[in-house]
Amino acid sequence: MKDLNQRELPVVHQAAGLVTLQARVRTERAYELMHGHALAYGLRMCEVARQVLLRQLRFTSGA
């Protein structure tokens, strides 16, 4: 997450919290899921986070 600026960090943290609820995982795993999605689709973490918060992307248990 070192490529994030100060405005993007809260968005990513909030999205990680939502992913913990969606996927029923710990916070560390939520970041891993988001990061994996970002790598797979050539996105930045903040873009994945925005998709999660806008309910355009959902992680489920077993993801």
Protein backbone atom coordinates (compact mmCIF):
# COMPACT_ATOMS: atom_id res chain seq x y z
CA MET A 1 0.00 0.00 0.00
CA LYS A 2 3.01 2.24 -0.25
CA ASP A 3 1.74 3.65 -3.55
CA LEU A 4 -1.31 5.19 -1.87
CA ASN A 5 -1.52 8.85 -1.03
CA GLN A 6 -2.96 10.20 2.22
CA ARG A 7 -6.44 10.74 0.74
CA GLU A 8 -6.65 7.17 -0.54
CA LEU A 9 -5.70 5.38 2.68
CA PRO A 10 -9.02 5.92 4.50
CA VAL A 11 -10.92 4.64 1.46
CA VAL A 12 -8.84 1.47 1.33
CA HIS A 13 -9.16 0.89 5.09
CA GLN A 14 -12.92 1.39 4.98
CA ALA A 15 -13.24 -1.01 2.06
CA ALA A 16 -11.12 -3.60 3.87
CA GLY A 17 -13.54 -3.39 6.77
CA LEU A 18 -16.45 -4.06 4.44
CA VAL A 19 -14.61 -6.99 2.85
CA THR A 20 -14.08 -8.52 6.31
CA LEU A 21 -17.85 -8.57 6.71
CA GLN A 22 -18.63 -9.75 3.18
CA ALA A 23 -16.09 -12.57 3.09
CA ARG A 24 -16.09 -13.29 6.82
CA VAL A 25 -12.31 -13.01 7.01
CA ARG A 26 -9.77 -11.21 9.16
CA THR A 27 -8.56 -7.78 8.17
CA GLU A 28 -5.21 -9.03 6.89
CA ARG A 29 -6.98 -11.48 4.57
CA ALA A 30 -9.30 -8.71 3.34
CA TYR A 31 -6.28 -6.70 2.23
CA GLU A 32 -4.87 -9.78 0.53
CA LEU A 33 -8.12 -10.36 -1.37
CA MET A 34 -8.28 -6.75 -2.49
CA HIS A 35 -4.61 -6.75 -3.47
CA GLY A 36 -5.00 -9.98 -5.43
CA HIS A 37 -7.95 -8.54 -7.31
CA ALA A 38 -6.00 -5.39 -8.06
CA LEU A 39 -3.07 -7.39 -9.45
CA ALA A 40 -5.29 -9.70 -11.48
CA TYR A 41 -7.12 -6.82 -13.16
CA GLY A 42 -4.32 -4.27 -13.36
CA LEU A 43 -5.98 -1.89 -10.91
CA ARG A 44 -4.68 0.19 -8.03
CA MET A 45 -5.83 -0.67 -4.52
CA CYS A 46 -7.76 2.58 -4.28
CA GLU A 47 -9.72 1.65 -7.42
CA VAL A 48 -10.62 -1.75 -5.96
CA ALA A 49 -11.58 -0.05 -2.69
CA ARG A 50 -13.91 2.36 -4.48
CA GLN A 51 -15.56 -0.53 -6.30
CA VAL A 52 -16.12 -2.29 -2.98
CA LEU A 53 -17.57 0.82 -1.34
CA LEU A 54 -19.84 1.53 -4.32
CA ARG A 55 -21.02 -2.11 -4.13
CA GLN A 56 -19.70 -2.77 -7.64
CA LEU A 57 -17.37 -5.47 -6.31
CA ARG A 58 -18.16 -7.99 -3.63
CA PHE A 59 -15.99 -10.61 -1.98
CA THR A 60 -17.79 -13.62 -0.58
CA SER A 61 -16.67 -16.31 1.80
CA GLY A 62 -14.66 -18.85 -0.11
CA ALA A 63 -13.24 -16.08 -2.33
